[in-house]
Amino acid sequence: MHTRPIRSVVLAVLVLFVGVATAEVARAQAREFTGTVVSAGGSITVEDRRGERVTFTRTKKTVVKGRPNWGAIAVGDRVLVRWALADGTRARRVIVLETGS
């Protein structure tokens, strides 16, 4: 007679667990790269302090902070680029930390 409330509780706990697990996987897919812009134009190439370079492309949804737009990002700017692993190197957000000039 009390199986219905127990089933409801078990189901609720299972749904909560799946939601938390899914959120962790999604967060694990987020990436950040910080460095200095060494090439800018249709795409930007950023070099980090270890000398590794990554070239990022822009999408219609790319958000730029610290500069008016993507085209205003200049060589020498120090930036933090956020992207999702599943997106390749398409930038989701570019934050200009310091301007190069």
Foldseek 3Di string as FASTA:
>chain_A
DPVVVVVVVVVVVVVVVVVVVVVVVQVVQKDKDKAFFQDADQWTWGAHPVGDIDIEHEDPQEAEAPAPDRRRQDGQFIWMFMDGNVVPRHTNYIYGPGHRD
